N, C-alpha and C. Protein backbone atom coordinates (compact mmCIF):
# COMPACT_ATOMS: atom_id res chain seq x y z
N MET A 1 0.85 -1.14 0.01
CA MET A 1 -0.07 0.08 0.04
C MET A 1 0.85 1.15 0.02
N ILE A 2 0.50 2.24 -0.80
CA ILE A 2 1.29 3.48 -0.91
C ILE A 2 0.74 4.38 -0.06
N SER A 3 1.65 4.97 0.87
CA SER A 3 1.31 5.94 1.77
C SER A 3 0.87 7.34 1.24
N ARG A 4 0.15 8.12 1.99
CA ARG A 4 -0.32 9.44 1.54
C ARG A 4 0.90 10.34 1.36
N SER A 5 1.73 10.21 2.36
CA SER A 5 2.98 11.17 2.23
C SER A 5 3.79 10.88 1.13
N PHE A 6 3.89 9.64 0.67
CA PHE A 6 4.76 9.22 -0.57
C PHE A 6 4.20 9.91 -1.75
N VAL A 7 2.89 9.91 -1.89
CA VAL A 7 2.14 10.49 -3.07
C VAL A 7 2.37 12.11 -3.06
N GLN A 8 2.18 12.64 -1.92
CA GLN A 8 2.35 14.13 -1.82
C GLN A 8 3.94 14.41 -2.12
N ARG A 9 4.67 13.81 -1.60
CA ARG A 9 6.22 14.16 -1.91
C ARG A 9 6.46 13.82 -3.44
N THR A 10 5.89 12.88 -4.06
CA THR A 10 6.09 12.70 -5.46
C THR A 10 5.47 13.69 -6.31
N CYS A 11 4.37 14.16 -5.95
CA CYS A 11 3.63 15.34 -6.71
C CYS A 11 4.46 16.53 -6.44
N VAL A 12 4.97 16.91 -5.28
CA VAL A 12 5.67 18.07 -5.20
C VAL A 12 7.03 17.96 -5.93
N LEU A 13 7.63 16.71 -6.01
CA LEU A 13 8.98 16.54 -6.69
C LEU A 13 8.72 16.71 -8.20
N LEU A 14 7.62 16.22 -8.74
CA LEU A 14 7.18 16.31 -10.11
C LEU A 14 6.90 17.69 -10.38
N GLY A 15 6.35 18.55 -9.63
CA GLY A 15 6.01 19.97 -9.80
C GLY A 15 7.33 20.76 -9.89
N ILE A 16 8.22 20.48 -8.92
CA ILE A 16 9.51 21.27 -9.01
C ILE A 16 10.26 20.98 -10.42
N ILE A 17 10.27 19.72 -10.78
CA ILE A 17 10.91 19.40 -12.04
C ILE A 17 10.26 20.00 -13.15
N ALA A 18 8.91 20.13 -13.25
CA ALA A 18 8.12 20.79 -14.28
C ALA A 18 8.55 22.31 -14.24
N LEU A 19 8.62 22.94 -13.10
CA LEU A 19 8.91 24.35 -13.01
C LEU A 19 10.30 24.62 -13.43
N CYS A 20 11.27 23.70 -13.13
CA CYS A 20 12.74 23.77 -13.54
C CYS A 20 12.86 23.75 -15.25
N VAL A 21 12.06 22.89 -15.89
CA VAL A 21 12.13 22.76 -17.22
C VAL A 21 11.49 24.05 -17.89
N TYR A 22 10.31 24.59 -17.30
CA TYR A 22 9.71 25.81 -17.95
C TYR A 22 10.65 26.92 -17.66
N LEU A 23 11.16 27.09 -16.55
CA LEU A 23 12.20 28.29 -16.31
C LEU A 23 13.51 28.11 -17.17
N PHE A 24 13.84 26.85 -17.59
CA PHE A 24 15.05 26.71 -18.53
C PHE A 24 14.56 27.20 -19.80
N TYR A 25 13.38 26.91 -20.27
CA TYR A 25 12.94 27.28 -21.72
C TYR A 25 12.69 28.89 -21.78
N ILE A 26 12.17 29.50 -20.82
CA ILE A 26 11.94 30.84 -20.94
C ILE A 26 13.25 31.75 -20.54
N GLY A 27 14.17 31.15 -19.94
CA GLY A 27 15.34 31.96 -19.58
C GLY A 27 16.72 31.59 -20.30
N LYS A 28 16.52 30.62 -21.27
CA LYS A 28 17.62 30.19 -21.97
C LYS A 28 18.10 31.45 -22.94
N GLY A 29 19.39 31.69 -22.74
CA GLY A 29 20.07 32.94 -23.43
C GLY A 29 20.59 32.43 -24.83
N HIS A 30 20.44 33.40 -25.70
CA HIS A 30 20.95 33.16 -27.14
C HIS A 30 21.69 34.39 -27.52
N THR A 31 22.79 34.21 -28.43
CA THR A 31 23.40 35.21 -28.95
C THR A 31 23.06 35.32 -30.43
N LEU A 32 22.56 36.47 -30.81
CA LEU A 32 22.11 36.65 -32.24
C LEU A 32 23.16 37.46 -32.89
N LEU A 33 23.54 37.04 -34.09
CA LEU A 33 24.44 37.96 -34.94
C LEU A 33 23.65 38.52 -36.08
N LEU A 34 23.18 39.72 -36.05
CA LEU A 34 22.41 40.36 -36.99
C LEU A 34 23.31 40.54 -38.19
N ASP A 35 23.05 40.06 -39.44
CA ASP A 35 23.84 40.09 -40.50
C ASP A 35 23.19 40.86 -41.55
N THR A 36 23.81 41.75 -42.29
CA THR A 36 23.34 42.46 -43.48
C THR A 36 24.00 42.20 -44.69
N ASN A 37 24.80 41.19 -44.79
CA ASN A 37 25.36 40.83 -45.95
C ASN A 37 24.48 40.37 -47.00
N THR A 38 24.89 40.51 -48.29
CA THR A 38 24.01 40.10 -49.38
C THR A 38 23.86 38.57 -49.40
N LEU A 39 22.63 38.12 -49.64
CA LEU A 39 22.37 36.76 -49.68
C LEU A 39 21.76 36.36 -50.99
N THR A 40 22.07 35.08 -51.48
CA THR A 40 21.56 34.65 -52.86
C THR A 40 20.81 33.35 -52.72
N ILE A 41 19.51 33.44 -52.96
CA ILE A 41 18.66 32.26 -52.73
C ILE A 41 18.03 32.00 -54.16
N ASP A 42 18.35 30.79 -54.69
CA ASP A 42 17.79 30.50 -56.05
C ASP A 42 18.08 31.42 -57.14
N ASP A 43 19.29 31.89 -57.27
CA ASP A 43 19.72 32.79 -58.23
C ASP A 43 19.17 34.17 -57.94
N LYS A 44 18.50 34.49 -56.86
CA LYS A 44 17.90 35.79 -56.54
C LYS A 44 18.73 36.32 -55.59
N GLU A 45 19.30 37.59 -55.83
CA GLU A 45 20.09 38.24 -54.81
C GLU A 45 19.29 39.23 -53.84
N LEU A 46 19.36 38.93 -52.67
CA LEU A 46 18.74 39.81 -51.60
C LEU A 46 19.61 40.62 -50.93
N ARG A 47 19.19 41.98 -50.85
CA ARG A 47 20.15 43.00 -50.24
C ARG A 47 19.27 43.75 -49.10
N SER A 48 20.10 44.09 -48.16
CA SER A 48 19.55 44.83 -46.97
C SER A 48 19.48 46.41 -47.46
N TYR A 49 18.94 47.22 -46.67
CA TYR A 49 18.87 48.60 -46.94
C TYR A 49 20.25 49.25 -46.80
N SER A 50 20.54 50.31 -47.49
CA SER A 50 21.95 50.95 -47.32
C SER A 50 22.13 51.40 -45.87
N SER A 51 21.13 51.58 -45.12
CA SER A 51 21.31 52.03 -43.63
C SER A 51 19.91 51.56 -43.00
N ALA A 52 19.89 50.91 -42.03
CA ALA A 52 18.70 50.41 -41.36
C ALA A 52 18.72 50.58 -39.86
N ILE A 53 17.60 50.87 -39.29
CA ILE A 53 17.54 50.94 -37.84
C ILE A 53 16.81 49.73 -37.38
N ILE A 54 17.45 48.97 -36.50
CA ILE A 54 16.96 47.60 -36.23
C ILE A 54 16.70 47.56 -34.83
N SER A 55 15.57 46.91 -34.30
CA SER A 55 15.27 46.78 -32.94
C SER A 55 14.86 45.18 -32.73
N VAL A 56 15.35 44.72 -31.65
CA VAL A 56 14.92 43.30 -31.30
C VAL A 56 14.38 43.27 -29.96
N ASN A 57 13.03 42.83 -30.03
CA ASN A 57 12.21 42.60 -28.75
C ASN A 57 12.05 44.14 -28.21
N GLY A 58 12.04 45.04 -28.95
CA GLY A 58 11.86 46.64 -28.38
C GLY A 58 13.15 47.24 -28.12
N LYS A 59 14.20 46.68 -28.15
CA LYS A 59 15.47 47.29 -27.73
C LYS A 59 16.23 47.65 -29.08
N LYS A 60 16.30 48.93 -29.37
CA LYS A 60 17.05 49.33 -30.52
C LYS A 60 18.59 49.20 -30.43
N LEU A 61 19.20 49.07 -31.57
CA LEU A 61 20.61 49.04 -31.58
C LEU A 61 21.15 50.38 -31.37
N ARG A 62 22.40 50.47 -30.91
CA ARG A 62 22.87 51.88 -30.73
C ARG A 62 23.01 52.82 -31.92
N SER A 63 23.39 52.17 -33.03
CA SER A 63 23.62 52.96 -34.34
C SER A 63 22.84 52.26 -35.49
N PRO A 64 22.63 52.83 -36.53
CA PRO A 64 22.03 52.18 -37.75
C PRO A 64 22.93 51.35 -38.27
N MET A 65 22.48 50.18 -38.76
CA MET A 65 23.52 49.29 -39.53
C MET A 65 23.47 49.53 -40.98
N SER A 66 24.64 49.28 -41.53
CA SER A 66 24.71 49.56 -43.00
C SER A 66 24.90 48.18 -43.62
N ARG A 67 25.13 48.22 -44.83
CA ARG A 67 25.40 46.94 -45.58
C ARG A 67 26.78 46.26 -45.19
N ALA A 68 26.71 44.90 -45.30
CA ALA A 68 27.86 44.15 -45.13
C ALA A 68 28.46 44.34 -43.70
N GLU A 69 27.50 44.25 -42.68
CA GLU A 69 27.95 44.48 -41.30
C GLU A 69 27.34 43.41 -40.48
N ARG A 70 27.87 43.12 -39.27
CA ARG A 70 27.36 42.16 -38.35
C ARG A 70 27.46 42.65 -36.92
N VAL A 71 26.21 42.51 -36.24
CA VAL A 71 26.27 43.10 -35.04
C VAL A 71 25.81 41.98 -33.97
N ARG A 72 26.40 41.91 -32.76
CA ARG A 72 26.00 40.90 -31.86
C ARG A 72 24.89 41.32 -30.85
N VAL A 73 23.91 40.58 -30.62
CA VAL A 73 22.77 40.92 -29.57
C VAL A 73 22.62 39.79 -28.72
N THR A 74 22.47 39.82 -27.43
CA THR A 74 22.15 38.82 -26.56
C THR A 74 20.69 38.96 -26.12
N VAL A 75 19.98 37.80 -26.25
CA VAL A 75 18.45 37.75 -26.03
C VAL A 75 18.20 36.53 -25.09
N SER A 76 17.07 36.49 -24.40
CA SER A 76 16.67 35.19 -23.72
C SER A 76 15.35 34.87 -24.16
N GLY A 77 15.14 33.47 -24.17
CA GLY A 77 13.89 33.09 -24.50
C GLY A 77 13.85 32.48 -26.04
N GLN A 78 12.82 31.97 -26.50
CA GLN A 78 12.77 31.37 -27.78
C GLN A 78 12.23 32.27 -28.82
N LYS A 79 11.11 32.89 -28.46
CA LYS A 79 10.33 33.73 -29.44
C LYS A 79 10.75 35.23 -29.41
N HIS A 80 11.06 35.76 -30.51
CA HIS A 80 11.41 37.12 -30.64
C HIS A 80 10.82 37.94 -31.73
N LYS A 81 10.82 39.26 -31.68
CA LYS A 81 10.23 40.26 -32.61
C LYS A 81 11.32 41.17 -33.06
N ILE A 82 11.56 41.17 -34.52
CA ILE A 82 12.53 42.21 -35.01
C ILE A 82 11.78 43.21 -35.82
N VAL A 83 12.18 44.52 -35.77
CA VAL A 83 11.62 45.51 -36.41
C VAL A 83 12.79 46.25 -37.20
N ILE A 84 12.61 46.18 -38.56
CA ILE A 84 13.64 46.97 -39.34
C ILE A 84 13.04 48.06 -40.13
N ILE A 85 13.71 49.19 -39.83
CA ILE A 85 13.21 50.50 -40.51
C ILE A 85 14.38 51.02 -41.35
N GLU A 86 13.90 51.44 -42.60
CA GLU A 86 14.91 52.01 -43.41
C GLU A 86 15.22 53.46 -43.02
N ALA A 87 16.40 53.72 -42.68
CA ALA A 87 16.93 54.98 -42.11
C ALA A 87 16.56 56.09 -43.03
N ALA A 88 16.67 56.00 -44.39
CA ALA A 88 16.32 57.09 -45.31
C ALA A 88 14.88 57.31 -45.46
N ASN A 89 13.90 56.35 -45.30
CA ASN A 89 12.55 56.45 -45.46
C ASN A 89 12.07 55.86 -44.19
N THR A 90 11.54 56.52 -43.18
CA THR A 90 11.18 56.03 -41.85
C THR A 90 9.79 55.28 -41.99
N GLU A 91 9.20 55.49 -43.14
CA GLU A 91 7.68 54.99 -43.27
C GLU A 91 7.90 53.46 -43.78
N ASN A 92 9.12 53.12 -44.27
CA ASN A 92 9.22 51.67 -44.58
C ASN A 92 9.68 50.93 -43.46
N ILE A 93 8.68 50.15 -43.00
CA ILE A 93 8.92 49.38 -41.67
C ILE A 93 8.56 47.83 -42.00
N THR A 94 9.48 47.05 -41.52
CA THR A 94 9.18 45.48 -41.60
C THR A 94 9.25 45.06 -40.22
N GLU A 95 8.24 44.28 -39.90
CA GLU A 95 8.20 43.67 -38.42
C GLU A 95 7.90 42.24 -38.56
N LYS A 96 8.71 41.38 -38.03
CA LYS A 96 8.73 39.96 -38.21
C LYS A 96 8.77 39.19 -37.01
N HIS A 97 8.14 38.09 -36.76
CA HIS A 97 8.45 37.16 -35.53
C HIS A 97 9.20 35.99 -35.84
N PHE A 98 10.12 35.50 -35.11
CA PHE A 98 10.86 34.40 -35.44
C PHE A 98 11.09 33.61 -34.10
N THR A 99 11.53 32.33 -34.16
CA THR A 99 11.69 31.42 -33.09
C THR A 99 13.11 30.80 -33.28
N ILE A 100 13.85 30.71 -32.18
CA ILE A 100 15.25 30.14 -32.07
C ILE A 100 15.08 28.90 -31.53
N PRO A 101 15.50 27.78 -32.17
CA PRO A 101 15.48 26.35 -31.40
C PRO A 101 16.30 26.45 -30.07
N THR A 102 15.89 25.74 -29.30
CA THR A 102 16.29 25.73 -27.83
C THR A 102 17.82 25.56 -27.75
N PHE A 103 18.37 24.61 -28.32
CA PHE A 103 19.85 24.29 -28.24
C PHE A 103 20.79 24.90 -29.05
N MET A 104 20.41 25.94 -29.80
CA MET A 104 21.23 26.83 -30.52
C MET A 104 21.69 27.93 -29.71
N ASP A 105 22.93 28.01 -29.47
CA ASP A 105 23.44 29.19 -28.54
C ASP A 105 23.62 30.41 -29.33
N MET A 106 24.29 30.21 -30.56
CA MET A 106 24.61 31.38 -31.21
C MET A 106 24.08 31.17 -32.69
N VAL A 107 23.30 32.14 -33.10
CA VAL A 107 22.68 32.13 -34.52
C VAL A 107 22.88 33.40 -35.35
N ILE A 108 22.74 33.15 -36.66
CA ILE A 108 22.93 34.34 -37.45
C ILE A 108 21.52 34.67 -37.96
N VAL A 109 21.04 35.86 -37.81
CA VAL A 109 19.77 36.31 -38.37
C VAL A 109 19.99 37.29 -39.54
N SER A 110 19.60 36.65 -40.74
CA SER A 110 19.84 37.44 -41.98
C SER A 110 18.77 38.42 -42.31
N ILE A 111 19.15 39.76 -42.25
CA ILE A 111 18.27 40.78 -42.35
C ILE A 111 17.86 40.74 -43.91
N PRO A 112 18.66 40.71 -44.92
CA PRO A 112 18.24 40.56 -46.28
C PRO A 112 17.19 39.56 -46.48
N ALA A 113 17.30 38.29 -45.80
CA ALA A 113 16.32 37.26 -46.01
C ALA A 113 14.89 37.58 -45.46
N ILE A 114 14.99 38.47 -44.30
CA ILE A 114 13.70 38.87 -43.78
C ILE A 114 13.13 39.90 -44.61
N LEU A 115 13.98 40.94 -45.19
CA LEU A 115 13.39 41.99 -46.01
C LEU A 115 12.81 41.47 -47.41
N GLY A 116 13.50 40.49 -47.96
CA GLY A 116 13.32 40.01 -49.22
C GLY A 116 12.15 38.81 -49.24
N ASP A 117 11.42 38.75 -48.14
CA ASP A 117 10.38 37.72 -48.01
C ASP A 117 10.81 36.23 -48.31
N ALA A 118 12.03 35.85 -47.91
CA ALA A 118 12.56 34.59 -48.17
C ALA A 118 11.92 33.64 -47.22
N PRO A 119 11.90 32.37 -47.57
CA PRO A 119 11.24 31.34 -46.58
C PRO A 119 11.93 31.47 -45.24
N SER A 120 11.10 31.21 -44.17
CA SER A 120 11.64 31.47 -42.78
C SER A 120 12.91 30.58 -42.42
N GLU A 121 13.19 29.44 -43.14
CA GLU A 121 14.30 28.68 -42.78
C GLU A 121 15.65 29.45 -43.09
N TYR A 122 15.52 30.65 -43.95
CA TYR A 122 16.76 31.29 -44.27
C TYR A 122 16.98 32.53 -43.36
N TRP A 123 15.98 32.70 -42.46
CA TRP A 123 16.00 33.81 -41.48
C TRP A 123 17.10 33.61 -40.37
N VAL A 124 16.86 32.46 -39.85
CA VAL A 124 17.73 32.17 -38.61
C VAL A 124 18.57 30.82 -39.08
N THR A 125 19.81 30.94 -38.98
CA THR A 125 20.77 29.75 -39.20
C THR A 125 21.75 29.79 -38.11
N GLN A 126 22.28 28.44 -37.74
CA GLN A 126 23.14 28.32 -36.79
C GLN A 126 24.60 28.83 -37.26
N PHE A 127 25.16 29.52 -36.29
CA PHE A 127 26.59 30.02 -36.52
C PHE A 127 27.60 28.97 -36.22
N SER A 128 28.44 28.73 -37.11
CA SER A 128 29.54 27.77 -36.94
C SER A 128 30.97 28.49 -37.17
N PRO A 129 31.67 28.68 -36.25
CA PRO A 129 32.93 29.42 -36.42
C PRO A 129 33.92 28.67 -37.18
N PRO A 130 34.93 29.24 -37.79
CA PRO A 130 35.92 28.58 -38.55
C PRO A 130 36.75 27.70 -37.66
N PRO A 131 37.32 26.63 -38.20
CA PRO A 131 38.08 25.67 -37.26
C PRO A 131 39.28 26.51 -36.74
N LEU A 132 39.64 26.17 -35.60
CA LEU A 132 40.85 27.00 -34.85
C LEU A 132 42.18 26.75 -35.68
N GLU A 133 42.40 25.61 -36.23
CA GLU A 133 43.59 25.50 -36.93
C GLU A 133 43.90 26.30 -38.26
N ASN A 134 42.77 26.91 -38.67
CA ASN A 134 42.90 27.78 -39.85
C ASN A 134 43.22 29.28 -39.38
N ALA A 135 42.95 29.64 -38.26
CA ALA A 135 43.28 30.91 -37.60
C ALA A 135 44.88 31.14 -37.54
N PRO A 136 45.28 32.13 -37.99
CA PRO A 136 46.71 32.37 -37.93
C PRO A 136 47.36 32.41 -36.61
N ILE A 137 46.70 32.96 -35.65
CA ILE A 137 47.29 33.06 -34.23
C ILE A 137 47.25 31.67 -33.68
N GLU A 138 46.36 30.86 -34.09
CA GLU A 138 46.46 29.45 -33.51
C GLU A 138 47.40 28.57 -34.11
N ARG A 139 47.69 28.76 -35.49
CA ARG A 139 48.77 28.08 -36.02
C ARG A 139 50.12 28.46 -35.46
N MET A 140 50.28 29.64 -35.07
CA MET A 140 51.53 30.17 -34.42
C MET A 140 51.75 29.50 -33.05
N GLN A 141 50.71 29.17 -32.41
CA GLN A 141 50.87 28.61 -31.03
C GLN A 141 51.15 27.05 -31.12
N TYR A 142 50.84 26.35 -32.22
CA TYR A 142 51.08 24.96 -32.48
C TYR A 142 52.46 24.83 -33.21
N MET A 143 53.11 25.75 -33.57
CA MET A 143 54.41 25.58 -34.19
C MET A 143 55.50 25.24 -33.27
N LYS A 144 56.29 24.32 -33.55
CA LYS A 144 57.43 23.94 -32.67
C LYS A 144 58.69 24.65 -33.10
N VAL A 145 59.31 25.34 -32.08
CA VAL A 145 60.55 26.07 -32.37
C VAL A 145 61.57 25.08 -32.12
N LYS A 146 62.62 24.97 -33.02
CA LYS A 146 63.80 24.09 -32.85
C LYS A 146 65.00 24.83 -32.47
C-alpha cells in the first residue's frame, strides 16, 4: 500500500521538475548575430537597406546598420520580434516574428532574408565558427621552435 505522504512528496517533486524545465525554456540565453550581408537564394540576390535601424524585442541598436555589417545581440527566450526601419525612409517598416531552437546558442539572423520575404528557414541559421587550426594566431601557437 502506498502511503499518503509518498504520493504528496512525489507530486511536489514532479512539480519542481516541471517548474525547472519551464524556467529553463523561458530563460535560455541566445546570442544573435544580425547580419546585413547580401544573400543569394535560387539565383535571386537579396540585399539589405543601405542603412537600417533595427530593434530586437523593443531594444534598439545603438547605431543604424549599413550593408555588409554584423552586430551581436544577446536575448533570452525562444520567441522574438524584430523591427527593421529604413533610415532614409522611416515609413518603410518591416516587423517579423521568429523562433530560435532551444539548443542553438549562437545564431545568424539574416536581415536581407527577412526583407526579401525569403522562406523562414533562411532567416535564422546556426553560426559555426571557422576551425581553430585555420586561424593564423592558433597556427603560431602549435608551431614547434627548434
